Amino acid sequence: MRSDQPVLSVVVPMYDEEDVLPMFFERMHPLLDGLGVPYELVVVDDGSRDGTATLLLEAAKDWPQLRVVRLLRNSGHQAAQSAGFRRARGEFVVTIDADLQDPPEVIVEFLAAVREQDVDVVYGVRSDRSSDSWAKRTTARMYYRLMCRLVGKEIPFDAGDFRLVSRRVVDAVNALPEDGRVFRLVIPWLGFPSAEVKYVRAERAAGATKYTVSKMVRLAFDGVTAFSAAPLRLATWLGLLGGAMSMLFVVGALIVRATGRSVPGWTSTVLAVSVIGAIQLLCLGLLGEYVARLFQSSQRRPQFLVGYDSLEDPGHHTVTESVEAPAKDMP
């Protein structure tokens, strides 16, 4: 390994985090300096609209290990993680959010677990989620149970995107041809030896969450459609159920007619049309999700575009200059 090659890369996706940045730097800077290993802090600015980029570039002037990577536009949390994986140079890569809900001090335990247990992945598992709402805790449990069934692998419960992975895992993830990957499903699916470190999840230090309900639902849909054809099979079974129900309606109508008790009415008609119509629309929606993924894949558009990397262009410190032209991917 070259002397300038970091042992540890800490990847931090950020989007409009100017409120929490001073507190984040206050905790992260002394922690990483005290690890005793060469490191880099790779902050991926996901097209922030506030002063996040300015604060990052100012901090980088006095913090050589701080590496600022700016995306040309907001591409999403998982895309920002992908950009960080592509750019990280360390033998070990930690991913963490900037909101300080996941305590940076746990990184020390991650490194200890790697040394003691000889694993490639260390998951940060939330042992206490009391800072989250009841609705979020409940939906999270449902999500992880569903993913375990669909992916066919053991998905760590209450493990988000706070983890440590080795270079072997990073290279394996970067080699995957798929776009729109969901890291909390992809990494367990690879099957590398893993360990867990439990911690207490804190409340957001400042600012507002960027993961809205619609984004969480979209993440769940991406995970399901990327890892399983079960929804397509569900559409098939629903089609068979609709056909069986139609046959029952036909048999019932024939029996009523044969007994001479046929009474004109609209209730049965409306019921039959509603049930069959609902099943058909659901099946079309499920099929549409997969067709949309095929369409997006056929376009071969990049998941993200990097506008600036302070490691490649350290002379430019202004936001305007940082987004003039896409930077080339590092080898």
C-alpha atoms as a PDB file:
ATOM      1  CA  MET A   1       0.000   0.000   0.000  1.00  0.00           C
ATOM      2  CA  ARG A   2       1.312   3.490  -0.826  1.00  0.00           C
ATOM      3  CA  SER A   3       2.122   5.784   2.088  1.00  0.00           C
ATOM      4  CA  ASP A   4      -0.594   8.238   0.998  1.00  0.00           C
ATOM      5  CA  GLN A   5      -3.229   5.522   0.705  1.00  0.00           C
ATOM      6  CA  PRO A   6      -5.804   5.722   3.509  1.00  0.00           C
ATOM      7  CA  VAL A   7      -6.600   2.656   5.563  1.00  0.00           C
ATOM      8  CA  LEU A   8     -10.075   3.940   6.419  1.00  0.00           C
ATOM      9  CA  SER A   9     -12.553   5.831   4.246  1.00  0.00           C
ATOM     10  CA  VAL A  10     -15.635   7.299   5.914  1.00  0.00           C
ATOM     11  CA  VAL A  11     -18.360   8.011   3.347  1.00  0.00           C
ATOM     12  CA  VAL A  12     -21.011  10.553   4.327  1.00  0.00           C
ATOM     13  CA  PRO A  13     -23.900  11.363   1.935  1.00  0.00           C
ATOM     14  CA  MET A  14     -25.242  14.863   2.582  1.00  0.00           C
ATOM     15  CA  TYR A  15     -28.200  16.847   1.333  1.00  0.00           C
ATOM     16  CA  ASP A  16     -29.032  20.259   2.816  1.00  0.00           C
ATOM     17  CA  GLU A  17     -27.202  19.617   6.095  1.00  0.00           C
ATOM     18  CA  GLU A  18     -25.786  23.076   6.882  1.00  0.00           C
ATOM     19  CA  ASP A  19     -27.527  23.145  10.295  1.00  0.00           C
ATOM     20  CA  VAL A  20     -25.866  19.976  11.560  1.00  0.00           C
ATOM     21  CA  LEU A  21     -22.452  20.324   9.907  1.00  0.00           C
ATOM     22  CA  PRO A  22     -20.666  22.232  12.726  1.00  0.00           C
ATOM     23  CA  MET A  23     -21.718  19.584  15.279  1.00  0.00           C
ATOM     24  CA  PHE A  24     -20.802  16.797  12.873  1.00  0.00           C
ATOM     25  CA  PHE A  25     -17.292  18.178  12.355  1.00  0.00           C
ATOM     26  CA  GLU A  26     -16.888  18.791  16.091  1.00  0.00           C
ATOM     27  CA  ARG A  27     -17.419  15.099  16.837  1.00  0.00           C
ATOM     28  CA  MET A  28     -15.939  13.501  13.727  1.00  0.00           C
ATOM     29  CA  HIS A  29     -12.646  15.411  13.446  1.00  0.00           C
ATOM     30  CA  PRO A  30     -11.068  14.472  16.824  1.00  0.00           C
ATOM     31  CA  LEU A  31     -12.486  10.946  16.586  1.00  0.00           C
ATOM     32  CA  LEU A  32     -10.847  10.170  13.238  1.00  0.00           C
ATOM     33  CA  ASP A  33      -7.582  11.890  14.208  1.00  0.00           C
ATOM     34  CA  GLY A  34      -7.445   9.712  17.317  1.00  0.00           C
ATOM     35  CA  LEU A  35      -7.812   6.387  15.482  1.00  0.00           C
ATOM     36  CA  GLY A  36      -4.100   6.246  14.688  1.00  0.00           C
ATOM     37  CA  VAL A  37      -4.602   5.105  11.073  1.00  0.00           C
ATOM     38  CA  PRO A  38      -4.467   7.056   7.784  1.00  0.00           C
ATOM     39  CA  TYR A  39      -7.997   8.035   6.827  1.00  0.00           C
ATOM     40  CA  GLU A  40     -10.103  10.111   4.493  1.00  0.00           C
ATOM     41  CA  LEU A  41     -13.529  11.594   5.135  1.00  0.00           C
ATOM     42  CA  VAL A  42     -15.396  11.414   1.810  1.00  0.00           C
ATOM     43  CA  VAL A  43     -18.404  13.719   1.990  1.00  0.00           C
ATOM     44  CA  VAL A  44     -20.736  13.336  -0.989  1.00  0.00           C
ATOM     45  CA  ASP A  45     -22.792  16.497  -1.423  1.00  0.00           C
ATOM     46  CA  ASP A  46     -25.947  15.276  -3.151  1.00  0.00           C
ATOM     47  CA  GLY A  47     -26.798  18.539  -4.922  1.00  0.00           C
ATOM     48  CA  SER A  48     -27.525  20.547  -1.755  1.00  0.00           C
ATOM     49  CA  ARG A  49     -29.449  23.787  -2.195  1.00  0.00           C
ATOM     50  CA  ASP A  50     -28.357  25.457   1.049  1.00  0.00           C
ATOM     51  CA  GLY A  51     -24.884  26.390   2.314  1.00  0.00           C
ATOM     52  CA  THR A  52     -23.667  22.795   2.760  1.00  0.00           C
ATOM     53  CA  ALA A  53     -21.206  22.953  -0.156  1.00  0.00           C
ATOM     54  CA  THR A  54     -19.716  26.259   1.019  1.00  0.00           C
ATOM     55  CA  LEU A  55     -19.206  24.978   4.569  1.00  0.00           C
ATOM     56  CA  LEU A  56     -17.593  21.781   3.279  1.00  0.00           C
ATOM     57  CA  LEU A  57     -15.155  23.587   1.004  1.00  0.00           C
ATOM     58  CA  GLU A  58     -14.204  26.000   3.787  1.00  0.00           C
ATOM     59  CA  ALA A  59     -13.590  23.146   6.224  1.00  0.00           C
ATOM     60  CA  ALA A  60     -11.492  21.252   3.651  1.00  0.00           C
ATOM     61  CA  LYS A  61      -8.938  24.084   3.602  1.00  0.00           C
ATOM     62  CA  ASP A  62      -7.885  23.264   7.181  1.00  0.00           C
ATOM     63  CA  TRP A  63      -8.647  19.538   7.143  1.00  0.00           C
ATOM     64  CA  PRO A  64      -6.483  17.718   4.561  1.00  0.00           C
ATOM     65  CA  GLN A  65      -8.274  14.408   5.076  1.00  0.00           C
ATOM     66  CA  LEU A  66     -11.657  15.936   4.257  1.00  0.00           C
ATOM     67  CA  ARG A  67     -12.524  15.100   0.654  1.00  0.00           C
ATOM     68  CA  VAL A  68     -15.512  16.848  -0.913  1.00  0.00           C
ATOM     69  CA  VAL A  69     -17.329  15.134  -3.783  1.00  0.00           C
ATOM     70  CA  ARG A  70     -20.196  17.135  -5.292  1.00  0.00           C
ATOM     71  CA  LEU A  71     -22.856  15.615  -7.515  1.00  0.00           C
ATOM     72  CA  LEU A  72     -24.236  17.742 -10.319  1.00  0.00           C
ATOM     73  CA  ARG A  73     -27.805  17.228  -9.151  1.00  0.00           C
ATOM     74  CA  ASN A  74     -29.736  15.607  -6.350  1.00  0.00           C
ATOM     75  CA  SER A  75     -29.631  11.885  -7.157  1.00  0.00           C
ATOM     76  CA  GLY A  76     -30.862  10.336  -3.918  1.00  0.00           C
ATOM     77  CA  HIS A  77     -29.307   8.836  -0.800  1.00  0.00           C
ATOM     78  CA  GLN A  78     -28.465   5.442  -2.293  1.00  0.00           C
ATOM     79  CA  ALA A  79     -26.929   7.046  -5.403  1.00  0.00           C
ATOM     80  CA  ALA A  80     -24.776   9.249  -3.168  1.00  0.00           C
ATOM     81  CA  GLN A  81     -23.583   6.133  -1.358  1.00  0.00           C
ATOM     82  CA  SER A  82     -22.731   4.577  -4.721  1.00  0.00           C
ATOM     83  CA  ALA A  83     -20.664   7.646  -5.581  1.00  0.00           C
ATOM     84  CA  GLY A  84     -18.864   7.325  -2.255  1.00  0.00           C
ATOM     85  CA  PHE A  85     -18.132   3.642  -2.869  1.00  0.00           C
ATOM     86  CA  ARG A  86     -16.730   4.495  -6.303  1.00  0.00           C
ATOM     87  CA  ARG A  87     -14.446   7.197  -4.914  1.00  0.00           C
ATOM     88  CA  ALA A  88     -13.348   5.709  -1.588  1.00  0.00           C
ATOM     89  CA  ARG A  89      -9.734   4.480  -1.535  1.00  0.00           C
ATOM     90  CA  GLY A  90      -9.463   2.909   1.928  1.00  0.00           C
ATOM     91  CA  GLU A  91      -9.012  -0.752   2.807  1.00  0.00           C
ATOM     92  CA  PHE A  92     -12.111  -0.329   4.964  1.00  0.00           C
ATOM     93  CA  VAL A  93     -15.107   1.879   4.201  1.00  0.00           C
ATOM     94  CA  VAL A  94     -17.610   3.138   6.756  1.00  0.00           C
ATOM     95  CA  THR A  95     -20.910   4.699   5.653  1.00  0.00           C
ATOM     96  CA  ILE A  96     -22.681   7.050   8.054  1.00  0.00           C
ATOM     97  CA  ASP A  97     -25.241   9.840   7.794  1.00  0.00           C
ATOM     98  CA  ALA A  98     -24.511  13.383   8.892  1.00  0.00           C
ATOM     99  CA  ASP A  99     -27.487  13.781  11.258  1.00  0.00           C
ATOM    100  CA  LEU A 100     -25.598  12.175  14.211  1.00  0.00           C
ATOM    101  CA  GLN A 101     -28.426   9.752  14.937  1.00  0.00           C
ATOM    102  CA  ASP A 102     -25.786   7.072  14.398  1.00  0.00           C
ATOM    103  CA  PRO A 103     -22.971   7.970  16.849  1.00  0.00           C
ATOM    104  CA  PRO A 104     -19.583   8.284  15.071  1.00  0.00           C
ATOM    105  CA  GLU A 105     -17.845   6.872  18.164  1.00  0.00           C
ATOM    106  CA  VAL A 106     -19.156   3.410  17.212  1.00  0.00           C
ATOM    107  CA  ILE A 107     -16.610   3.394  14.346  1.00  0.00           C
ATOM    108  CA  VAL A 108     -13.991   2.450  16.949  1.00  0.00           C
ATOM    109  CA  GLU A 109     -16.053  -0.658  17.791  1.00  0.00           C
ATOM    110  CA  PHE A 110     -16.407  -1.450  14.073  1.00  0.00           C
ATOM    111  CA  LEU A 111     -12.629  -1.540  13.647  1.00  0.00           C
ATOM    112  CA  ALA A 112     -12.223  -3.640  16.789  1.00  0.00           C
ATOM    113  CA  ALA A 113     -14.804  -6.153  15.529  1.00  0.00           C
ATOM    114  CA  VAL A 114     -12.960  -6.468  12.196  1.00  0.00           C
ATOM    115  CA  ARG A 115      -9.669  -7.197  13.943  1.00  0.00           C
ATOM    116  CA  GLU A 116     -11.099  -9.608  16.504  1.00  0.00           C
ATOM    117  CA  GLN A 117     -13.596 -11.542  14.377  1.00  0.00           C
ATOM    118  CA  ASP A 118     -11.903 -11.399  10.952  1.00  0.00           C
ATOM    119  CA  VAL A 119     -15.042 -10.405   9.036  1.00  0.00           C
ATOM    120  CA  ASP A 120     -15.682  -8.302   5.930  1.00  0.00           C
ATOM    121  CA  VAL A 121     -18.846  -6.542   7.096  1.00  0.00           C
ATOM    122  CA  VAL A 122     -19.774  -5.018  10.460  1.00  0.00           C
ATOM    123  CA  TYR A 123     -23.389  -3.855  10.753  1.00  0.00           C
ATOM    124  CA  GLY A 124     -24.445  -1.138  13.136  1.00  0.00           C
ATOM    125  CA  VAL A 125     -27.643  -2.494  14.707  1.00  0.00           C
ATOM    126  CA  ARG A 126     -29.968  -0.190  16.602  1.00  0.00           C
ATOM    127  CA  SER A 127     -30.664  -1.744  19.994  1.00  0.00           C
ATOM    128  CA  ASP A 128     -32.884   1.151  21.052  1.00  0.00           C
ATOM    129  CA  ARG A 129     -35.063   3.056  18.574  1.00  0.00           C
ATOM    130  CA  SER A 130     -37.095   5.000  21.110  1.00  0.00           C
ATOM    131  CA  SER A 131     -36.072   8.216  19.357  1.00  0.00           C
ATOM    132  CA  ASP A 132     -38.118   7.085  16.335  1.00  0.00           C
ATOM    133  CA  SER A 133     -41.892   7.290  16.237  1.00  0.00           C
ATOM    134  CA  TRP A 134     -44.076   4.224  16.849  1.00  0.00           C
ATOM    135  CA  ALA A 135     -45.183   4.255  13.210  1.00  0.00           C
ATOM    136  CA  LYS A 136     -41.593   4.290  11.946  1.00  0.00           C
ATOM    137  CA  ARG A 137     -40.531   1.449  14.261  1.00  0.00           C
ATOM    138  CA  THR A 138     -43.534  -0.662  13.235  1.00  0.00           C
ATOM    139  CA  THR A 139     -43.106  -0.134   9.505  1.00  0.00           C
ATOM    140  CA  ALA A 140     -39.366  -0.817   9.832  1.00  0.00           C
ATOM    141  CA  ARG A 141     -40.038  -4.221  11.433  1.00  0.00           C
ATOM    142  CA  MET A 142     -42.534  -5.060   8.684  1.00  0.00           C
ATOM    143  CA  TYR A 143     -40.022  -3.959   6.036  1.00  0.00           C
ATOM    144  CA  TYR A 144     -37.190  -6.127   7.358  1.00  0.00           C
ATOM    145  CA  ARG A 145     -39.407  -9.193   7.734  1.00  0.00           C
ATOM    146  CA  LEU A 146     -40.624  -8.777   4.157  1.00  0.00           C
ATOM    147  CA  MET A 147     -37.090  -8.306   2.842  1.00  0.00           C
ATOM    148  CA  CYS A 148     -35.868 -11.438   4.635  1.00  0.00           C
ATOM    149  CA  ARG A 149     -38.526 -13.471   2.854  1.00  0.00           C
ATOM    150  CA  LEU A 150     -37.959 -11.936  -0.569  1.00  0.00           C
ATOM    151  CA  VAL A 151     -34.166 -11.716  -0.636  1.00  0.00           C
ATOM    152  CA  GLY A 152     -33.684 -15.190   0.814  1.00  0.00           C
ATOM    153  CA  LYS A 153     -30.830 -13.981   3.005  1.00  0.00           C
ATOM    154  CA  GLU A 154     -30.634 -13.055   6.655  1.00  0.00           C
ATOM    155  CA  ILE A 155     -31.103  -9.290   6.745  1.00  0.00           C
ATOM    156  CA  PRO A 156     -29.959  -7.784  10.076  1.00  0.00           C
ATOM    157  CA  PHE A 157     -33.001  -6.306  11.795  1.00  0.00           C
ATOM    158  CA  ASP A 158     -32.748  -2.599  12.637  1.00  0.00           C
ATOM    159  CA  ALA A 159     -29.569  -2.207  10.580  1.00  0.00           C
ATOM    160  CA  GLY A 160     -29.648   0.805   8.288  1.00  0.00           C
ATOM    161  CA  ASP A 161     -26.789   2.286   6.277  1.00  0.00           C
ATOM    162  CA  PHE A 162     -24.356   2.615   9.191  1.00  0.00           C
ATOM    163  CA  ARG A 163     -21.785  -0.132   8.599  1.00  0.00           C
ATOM    164  CA  LEU A 164     -18.167  -0.975   7.881  1.00  0.00           C
ATOM    165  CA  VAL A 165     -17.115  -3.047   4.866  1.00  0.00           C
ATOM    166  CA  SER A 166     -13.770  -4.264   3.595  1.00  0.00           C
ATOM    167  CA  ARG A 167     -12.236  -3.496   0.227  1.00  0.00           C
ATOM    168  CA  ARG A 168     -13.387  -6.923  -1.023  1.00  0.00           C
ATOM    169  CA  VAL A 169     -16.999  -5.931  -0.404  1.00  0.00           C
ATOM    170  CA  VAL A 170     -16.555  -2.494  -1.982  1.00  0.00           C
ATOM    171  CA  ASP A 171     -15.071  -4.012  -5.135  1.00  0.00           C
ATOM    172  CA  ALA A 172     -17.860  -6.595  -5.306  1.00  0.00           C
ATOM    173  CA  VAL A 173     -20.573  -3.920  -4.980  1.00  0.00           C
ATOM    174  CA  ASN A 174     -18.910  -1.671  -7.565  1.00  0.00           C
ATOM    175  CA  ALA A 175     -18.717  -4.596  -9.992  1.00  0.00           C
ATOM    176  CA  LEU A 176     -22.472  -5.185  -9.906  1.00  0.00           C
ATOM    177  CA  PRO A 177     -24.054  -4.100 -13.208  1.00  0.00           C
ATOM    178  CA  GLU A 178     -27.378  -3.014 -11.749  1.00  0.00           C
ATOM    179  CA  ASP A 179     -28.443   0.584 -11.180  1.00  0.00           C
ATOM    180  CA  GLY A 180     -30.572   1.814  -8.307  1.00  0.00           C
ATOM    181  CA  ARG A 181     -29.073  -0.636  -5.813  1.00  0.00           C
ATOM    182  CA  VAL A 182     -30.314  -0.682  -2.214  1.00  0.00           C
ATOM    183  CA  PHE A 183     -27.220  -1.130  -0.065  1.00  0.00           C
ATOM    184  CA  ARG A 184     -28.937  -2.537   3.004  1.00  0.00           C
ATOM    185  CA  LEU A 185     -30.118  -5.441   0.814  1.00  0.00           C
ATOM    186  CA  VAL A 186     -27.228  -5.792  -1.636  1.00  0.00           C
ATOM    187  CA  ILE A 187     -24.491  -6.171   0.978  1.00  0.00           C
ATOM    188  CA  PRO A 188     -26.201  -8.980   2.978  1.00  0.00           C
ATOM    189  CA  TRP A 189     -27.074 -10.690  -0.329  1.00  0.00           C
ATOM    190  CA  LEU A 190     -23.371 -10.911  -1.259  1.00  0.00           C
ATOM    191  CA  GLY A 191     -22.850 -13.250   1.684  1.00  0.00           C
ATOM    192  CA  PHE A 192     -19.517 -12.015   3.077  1.00  0.00           C
ATOM    193  CA  PRO A 193     -18.685 -12.947   6.709  1.00  0.00           C
ATOM    194  CA  SER A 194     -20.256 -10.373   9.005  1.00  0.00           C
ATOM    195  CA  ALA A 195     -20.623  -9.236  12.591  1.00  0.00           C
ATOM    196  CA  GLU A 196     -22.899  -6.836  14.446  1.00  0.00           C
ATOM    197  CA  VAL A 197     -22.296  -3.950  16.821  1.00  0.00           C
ATOM    198  CA  LYS A 198     -25.296  -2.700  18.782  1.00  0.00           C
ATOM    199  CA  TYR A 199     -25.800   0.943  19.665  1.00  0.00           C
ATOM    200  CA  VAL A 200     -28.501   3.324  20.852  1.00  0.00           C
ATOM    201  CA  ARG A 201     -29.964   5.473  18.094  1.00  0.00           C
ATOM    202  CA  ALA A 202     -30.125   9.145  19.062  1.00  0.00           C
ATOM    203  CA  GLU A 203     -32.409  11.917  17.925  1.00  0.00           C
ATOM    204  CA  ARG A 204     -31.400  14.060  14.965  1.00  0.00           C
ATOM    205  CA  ALA A 205     -28.879  16.659  16.162  1.00  0.00           C
ATOM    206  CA  ALA A 206     -30.250  19.492  13.997  1.00  0.00           C
ATOM    207  CA  GLY A 207     -32.229  20.132  10.840  1.00  0.00           C
ATOM    208  CA  ALA A 208     -35.034  18.045   9.376  1.00  0.00           C
ATOM    209  CA  THR A 209     -34.987  14.518   8.008  1.00  0.00           C
ATOM    210  CA  LYS A 210     -34.640  14.189   4.238  1.00  0.00           C
ATOM    211  CA  TYR A 211     -36.243  10.720   4.187  1.00  0.00           C
ATOM    212  CA  THR A 212     -39.897  11.581   3.680  1.00  0.00           C
ATOM    213  CA  VAL A 213     -42.654   8.962   3.682  1.00  0.00           C
ATOM    214  CA  SER A 214     -42.718   8.927  -0.119  1.00  0.00           C
ATOM    215  CA  LYS A 215     -38.954   8.315  -0.266  1.00  0.00           C
ATOM    216  CA  MET A 216     -39.204   5.449   2.228  1.00  0.00           C
ATOM    217  CA  VAL A 217     -42.026   3.878   0.202  1.00  0.00           C
ATOM    218  CA  ARG A 218     -39.943   4.283  -2.960  1.00  0.00           C
ATOM    219  CA  LEU A 219     -36.978   2.613  -1.241  1.00  0.00           C
ATOM    220  CA  ALA A 220     -39.186  -0.307  -0.248  1.00  0.00           C
ATOM    221  CA  PHE A 221     -40.496  -0.686  -3.818  1.00  0.00           C
ATOM    222  CA  ASP A 222     -36.954  -0.543  -5.200  1.00  0.00           C
ATOM    223  CA  GLY A 223     -35.855  -3.233  -2.780  1.00  0.00           C
ATOM    224  CA  VAL A 224     -38.747  -5.545  -3.622  1.00  0.00           C
ATOM    225  CA  THR A 225     -38.576  -5.184  -7.397  1.00  0.00           C
ATOM    226  CA  ALA A 226     -34.771  -5.361  -7.500  1.00  0.00           C
ATOM    227  CA  PHE A 227     -34.484  -8.569  -5.511  1.00  0.00           C
ATOM    228  CA  SER A 228     -37.538 -10.662  -6.181  1.00  0.00           C
ATOM    229  CA  ALA A 229     -40.062 -11.689  -8.809  1.00  0.00           C
ATOM    230  CA  ALA A 230     -42.557 -12.439  -6.041  1.00  0.00           C
ATOM    231  CA  PRO A 231     -44.866  -9.518  -7.001  1.00  0.00           C
ATOM    232  CA  LEU A 232     -45.163 -10.976 -10.500  1.00  0.00           C
ATOM    233  CA  ARG A 233     -46.117 -14.318  -9.012  1.00  0.00           C
ATOM    234  CA  LEU A 234     -48.571 -12.500  -6.775  1.00  0.00           C
ATOM    235  CA  ALA A 235     -50.147 -11.001  -9.877  1.00  0.00           C
ATOM    236  CA  THR A 236     -50.504 -14.497 -11.306  1.00  0.00           C
ATOM    237  CA  TRP A 237     -52.167 -15.815  -8.151  1.00  0.00           C
ATOM    238  CA  LEU A 238     -54.468 -12.808  -7.982  1.00  0.00           C
ATOM    239  CA  GLY A 239     -55.431 -13.452 -11.599  1.00  0.00           C
ATOM    240  CA  LEU A 240     -56.252 -17.067 -10.750  1.00  0.00           C
ATOM    241  CA  LEU A 241     -58.239 -15.915  -7.704  1.00  0.00           C
ATOM    242  CA  GLY A 242     -60.156 -13.466  -9.867  1.00  0.00           C
ATOM    243  CA  GLY A 243     -60.911 -16.226 -12.353  1.00  0.00           C
ATOM    244  CA  ALA A 244     -62.120 -18.553  -9.600  1.00  0.00           C
ATOM    245  CA  MET A 245     -64.364 -15.849  -8.163  1.00  0.00           C
ATOM    246  CA  SER A 246     -65.799 -15.192 -11.629  1.00  0.00           C
ATOM    247  CA  MET A 247     -66.600 -18.885 -11.998  1.00  0.00           C
ATOM    248  CA  LEU A 248     -68.365 -18.836  -8.634  1.00  0.00           C
ATOM    249  CA  PHE A 249     -70.453 -15.881  -9.764  1.00  0.00           C
ATOM    250  CA  VAL A 250     -71.369 -17.718 -12.979  1.00  0.00           C
ATOM    251  CA  VAL A 251     -72.303 -20.914 -11.131  1.00  0.00           C
ATOM    252  CA  GLY A 252     -74.366 -18.939  -8.616  1.00  0.00           C
ATOM    253  CA  ALA A 253     -76.184 -17.073 -11.370  1.00  0.00           C
ATOM    254  CA  LEU A 254     -77.001 -20.336 -13.193  1.00  0.00           C
ATOM    255  CA  ILE A 255     -78.329 -21.931  -9.993  1.00  0.00           C
ATOM    256  CA  VAL A 256     -80.532 -18.933  -9.225  1.00  0.00           C
ATOM    257  CA  ARG A 257     -81.840 -18.912 -12.798  1.00  0.00           C
ATOM    258  CA  ALA A 258     -82.519 -22.661 -12.776  1.00  0.00           C
ATOM    259  CA  THR A 259     -84.580 -22.393  -9.577  1.00  0.00           C
ATOM    260  CA  GLY A 260     -86.624 -19.584 -11.027  1.00  0.00           C
ATOM    261  CA  ARG A 261     -85.669 -17.081  -8.306  1.00  0.00           C
ATOM    262  CA  SER A 262     -83.771 -14.725 -10.543  1.00  0.00           C
ATOM    263  CA  VAL A 263     -84.313 -11.084  -9.529  1.00  0.00           C
ATOM    264  CA  PRO A 264     -82.814  -8.278 -11.589  1.00  0.00           C
ATOM    265  CA  GLY A 265     -80.375  -6.260  -9.486  1.00  0.00           C
ATOM    266  CA  TRP A 266     -77.177  -4.322  -9.604  1.00  0.00           C
ATOM    267  CA  THR A 267     -75.475  -5.379  -6.342  1.00  0.00           C
ATOM    268  CA  SER A 268     -73.958  -8.583  -7.653  1.00  0.00           C
ATOM    269  CA  THR A 269     -72.922  -6.890 -10.878  1.00  0.00           C
ATOM    270  CA  VAL A 270     -71.188  -4.035  -9.098  1.00  0.00           C
ATOM    271  CA  LEU A 271     -69.483  -6.449  -6.702  1.00  0.00           C
ATOM    272  CA  ALA A 272     -68.165  -8.638  -9.502  1.00  0.00           C
ATOM    273  CA  VAL A 273     -66.944  -5.726 -11.607  1.00  0.00           C
ATOM    274  CA  SER A 274     -65.295  -4.063  -8.603  1.00  0.00           C
ATOM    275  CA  VAL A 275     -63.420  -7.174  -7.454  1.00  0.00           C
ATOM    276  CA  ILE A 276     -62.213  -8.170 -10.901  1.00  0.00           C
ATOM    277  CA  GLY A 277     -61.358  -4.581 -11.817  1.00  0.00           C
ATOM    278  CA  ALA A 278     -59.332  -4.074  -8.615  1.00  0.00           C
ATOM    279  CA  ILE A 279     -57.361  -7.260  -9.194  1.00  0.00           C
ATOM    280  CA  GLN A 280     -56.646  -6.318 -12.800  1.00  0.00           C
ATOM    281  CA  LEU A 281     -55.451  -2.833 -11.867  1.00  0.00           C
ATOM    282  CA  LEU A 282     -53.207  -4.227  -9.131  1.00  0.00           C
ATOM    283  CA  CYS A 283     -51.678  -6.731 -11.544  1.00  0.00           C
ATOM    284  CA  LEU A 284     -51.102  -4.018 -14.129  1.00  0.00           C
ATOM    285  CA  GLY A 285     -49.433  -1.836 -11.506  1.00  0.00           C
ATOM    286  CA  LEU A 286     -47.075  -4.628 -10.448  1.00  0.00           C
ATOM    287  CA  LEU A 287     -46.197  -5.376 -14.053  1.00  0.00           C
ATOM    288  CA  GLY A 288     -45.658  -1.664 -14.638  1.00  0.00           C
ATOM    289  CA  GLU A 289     -43.046  -1.507 -11.856  1.00  0.00           C
ATOM    290  CA  TYR A 290     -40.928  -4.139 -13.606  1.00  0.00           C
ATOM    291  CA  VAL A 291     -41.438  -2.640 -17.050  1.00  0.00           C
ATOM    292  CA  ALA A 292     -40.303   0.725 -15.667  1.00  0.00           C
ATOM    293  CA  ARG A 293     -37.118  -0.849 -14.286  1.00  0.00           C
ATOM    294  CA  LEU A 294     -36.420  -2.491 -17.640  1.00  0.00           C
ATOM    295  CA  PHE A 295     -37.005   0.811 -19.412  1.00  0.00           C
ATOM    296  CA  GLN A 296     -34.649   2.687 -17.081  1.00  0.00           C
ATOM    297  CA  SER A 297     -32.020  -0.022 -17.449  1.00  0.00           C
ATOM    298  CA  SER A 298     -32.252   0.091 -21.257  1.00  0.00           C
ATOM    299  CA  GLN A 299     -31.550   3.840 -21.237  1.00  0.00           C
ATOM    300  CA  ARG A 300     -28.163   3.230 -19.588  1.00  0.00           C
ATOM    301  CA  ARG A 301     -28.220   6.644 -17.941  1.00  0.00           C
ATOM    302  CA  PRO A 302     -25.666   7.062 -15.137  1.00  0.00           C
ATOM    303  CA  GLN A 303     -27.068   6.865 -11.626  1.00  0.00           C
ATOM    304  CA  PHE A 304     -25.144   9.999 -10.687  1.00  0.00           C
ATOM    305  CA  LEU A 305     -22.767  12.557 -12.209  1.00  0.00           C
ATOM    306  CA  VAL A 306     -19.821  13.907 -10.235  1.00  0.00           C
ATOM    307  CA  GLY A 307     -19.245  17.610 -10.740  1.00  0.00           C
ATOM    308  CA  TYR A 308     -16.272  18.099  -8.435  1.00  0.00           C
ATOM    309  CA  ASP A 309     -13.824  16.053  -6.385  1.00  0.00           C
ATOM    310  CA  SER A 310     -11.447  17.983  -4.133  1.00  0.00           C
ATOM    311  CA  LEU A 311      -8.858  15.202  -4.402  1.00  0.00           C
ATOM    312  CA  GLU A 312      -8.641  15.593  -8.170  1.00  0.00           C
ATOM    313  CA  ASP A 313      -9.048  19.369  -8.333  1.00  0.00           C
ATOM    314  CA  PRO A 314      -7.869  20.812  -4.987  1.00  0.00           C
ATOM    315  CA  GLY A 315      -7.279  24.280  -6.438  1.00  0.00           C
ATOM    316  CA  HIS A 316     -10.962  25.062  -6.959  1.00  0.00           C
ATOM    317  CA  HIS A 317     -12.777  25.994  -3.781  1.00  0.00           C
ATOM    318  CA  THR A 318     -15.815  27.859  -5.047  1.00  0.00           C
ATOM    319  CA  VAL A 319     -19.200  26.303  -5.572  1.00  0.00           C
ATOM    320  CA  THR A 320     -19.512  27.833  -9.054  1.00  0.00           C
ATOM    321  CA  GLU A 321     -16.281  26.319 -10.310  1.00  0.00           C
ATOM    322  CA  SER A 322     -17.008  22.973  -8.696  1.00  0.00           C
ATOM    323  CA  VAL A 323     -19.913  22.096 -11.011  1.00  0.00           C
ATOM    324  CA  GLU A 324     -18.603  23.219 -14.378  1.00  0.00           C
ATOM    325  CA  ALA A 325     -17.738  19.807 -15.803  1.00  0.00           C
ATOM    326  CA  PRO A 326     -18.065  16.172 -14.698  1.00  0.00           C
ATOM    327  CA  ALA A 327     -14.899  14.687 -13.261  1.00  0.00           C
ATOM    328  CA  LYS A 328     -13.653  11.353 -14.504  1.00  0.00           C
ATOM    329  CA  ASP A 329     -14.000   8.311 -12.304  1.00  0.00           C
ATOM    330  CA  MET A 330     -10.870   7.325 -10.463  1.00  0.00           C
ATOM    331  CA  PRO A 331      -9.276   4.060 -11.513  1.00  0.00           C
END
